[in-house]
Protein backbone atom coordinates (compact mmCIF):
# COMPACT_ATOMS: atom_id res chain seq x y z
CA UNK A 1 35.58 150.60 118.60
CA UNK A 2 34.91 148.19 115.76
CA UNK A 3 36.92 147.38 112.67
CA UNK A 4 37.93 150.46 110.69
CA UNK A 5 38.20 150.82 106.93
CA UNK A 6 38.89 153.65 104.49
CA UNK A 7 36.11 155.06 102.31
CA UNK A 8 36.85 154.99 98.56
CA UNK A 9 35.08 158.32 98.10
CA UNK A 10 36.33 160.68 100.79
CA UNK A 11 39.35 158.61 101.96
CA UNK A 12 38.43 159.09 105.62
CA UNK A 13 38.72 156.20 108.06
CA UNK A 14 35.50 155.02 109.72
CA UNK A 15 34.08 151.92 111.38
CA UNK A 16 32.53 149.23 109.21
CA UNK A 17 29.13 149.95 110.79
CA UNK A 18 29.12 153.30 108.97
CA UNK A 19 30.31 151.99 105.59
CA UNK A 20 28.93 149.81 102.80
CA UNK A 21 31.01 146.84 101.63
CA UNK A 22 31.17 145.95 97.96
CA UNK A 23 32.89 142.98 96.31
CA UNK A 24 33.74 141.96 92.76
CA UNK A 25 31.73 139.01 91.51
CA UNK A 26 31.78 137.82 87.89
CA UNK A 27 33.56 141.03 86.77
CA UNK A 28 30.98 143.34 88.32
CA UNK A 29 30.69 145.19 91.62
CA UNK A 30 28.08 143.80 94.00
CA UNK A 31 26.89 145.60 97.14
CA UNK A 32 27.39 143.21 100.05
CA UNK A 33 24.58 144.38 102.33
CA UNK A 34 24.71 141.41 104.70
CA UNK A 35 28.50 141.09 104.73
CA UNK A 36 28.46 137.46 103.63
CA UNK A 37 30.03 137.64 100.17
CA UNK A 38 33.45 136.06 99.78
CA UNK A 39 36.40 137.89 98.34
CA UNK A 40 38.16 141.18 98.52
CA UNK A 41 35.99 144.03 99.70
CA UNK A 42 36.02 147.77 99.16
CA UNK A 43 34.19 150.21 101.39
CA UNK A 44 32.28 153.45 100.82
CA UNK A 45 30.11 155.70 102.97
CA UNK A 46 26.42 155.43 102.06
CA UNK A 47 26.42 159.07 100.95
CA UNK A 48 25.88 160.20 97.39
CA UNK A 49 28.98 162.44 97.55
CA UNK A 50 31.26 159.56 98.52
CA UNK A 51 29.73 157.15 96.01
CA UNK A 52 29.97 159.70 93.18
CA UNK A 53 33.59 160.56 94.02
CA UNK A 54 34.56 156.91 94.05
CA UNK A 55 33.02 156.49 90.58
CA UNK A 56 34.69 159.64 89.22
CA UNK A 57 38.08 158.46 90.44
CA UNK A 58 37.49 154.98 88.98
CA UNK A 59 38.59 153.65 92.35
CA UNK A 60 36.60 150.41 92.26
CA UNK A 61 38.72 148.45 89.81
CA UNK A 62 41.91 149.38 91.66
CA UNK A 63 40.52 148.67 95.13
CA UNK A 64 39.06 145.33 94.09
CA UNK A 65 42.14 144.47 92.00
CA UNK A 66 40.14 144.00 88.81
CA UNK A 67 40.69 145.16 85.26
CA UNK A 68 39.33 148.41 83.84
CA UNK A 69 36.35 146.51 82.36
CA UNK A 70 34.81 146.07 85.83
CA UNK A 71 31.04 146.71 85.68
CA UNK A 72 30.16 149.32 88.31
CA UNK A 73 26.47 149.62 87.43
CA UNK A 74 25.37 148.48 90.92
CA UNK A 75 27.38 151.31 92.46
CA UNK A 76 26.00 153.76 89.90
CA UNK A 77 22.48 152.66 90.89
CA UNK A 78 23.45 153.18 94.50
CA UNK A 79 24.53 156.75 93.72
CA UNK A 80 21.07 157.45 92.28
CA UNK A 81 19.27 155.87 95.25
CA UNK A 82 17.04 158.11 97.34
CA UNK A 83 18.06 156.18 100.48
CA UNK A 84 21.49 157.81 100.52
CA UNK A 85 22.07 161.00 102.44
């Protein structure tokens, strides 16, 4: 079993292979698709339900230890993506 993390949307624990990592960079959330970005990461399932719940709860600024002015537009775009299940 690989490394496990908690999803910001549904709060279930899963392996990192099943989750997307995001980091804060220049006061905005960036999706770290390759896993090479430095800094504190937050994880979410690549499902529209989980992404939408994490946005509704405003969980990103808390998880990434940023202020309330954190730009989550990349995650909002992700929630509208047709690639999510």
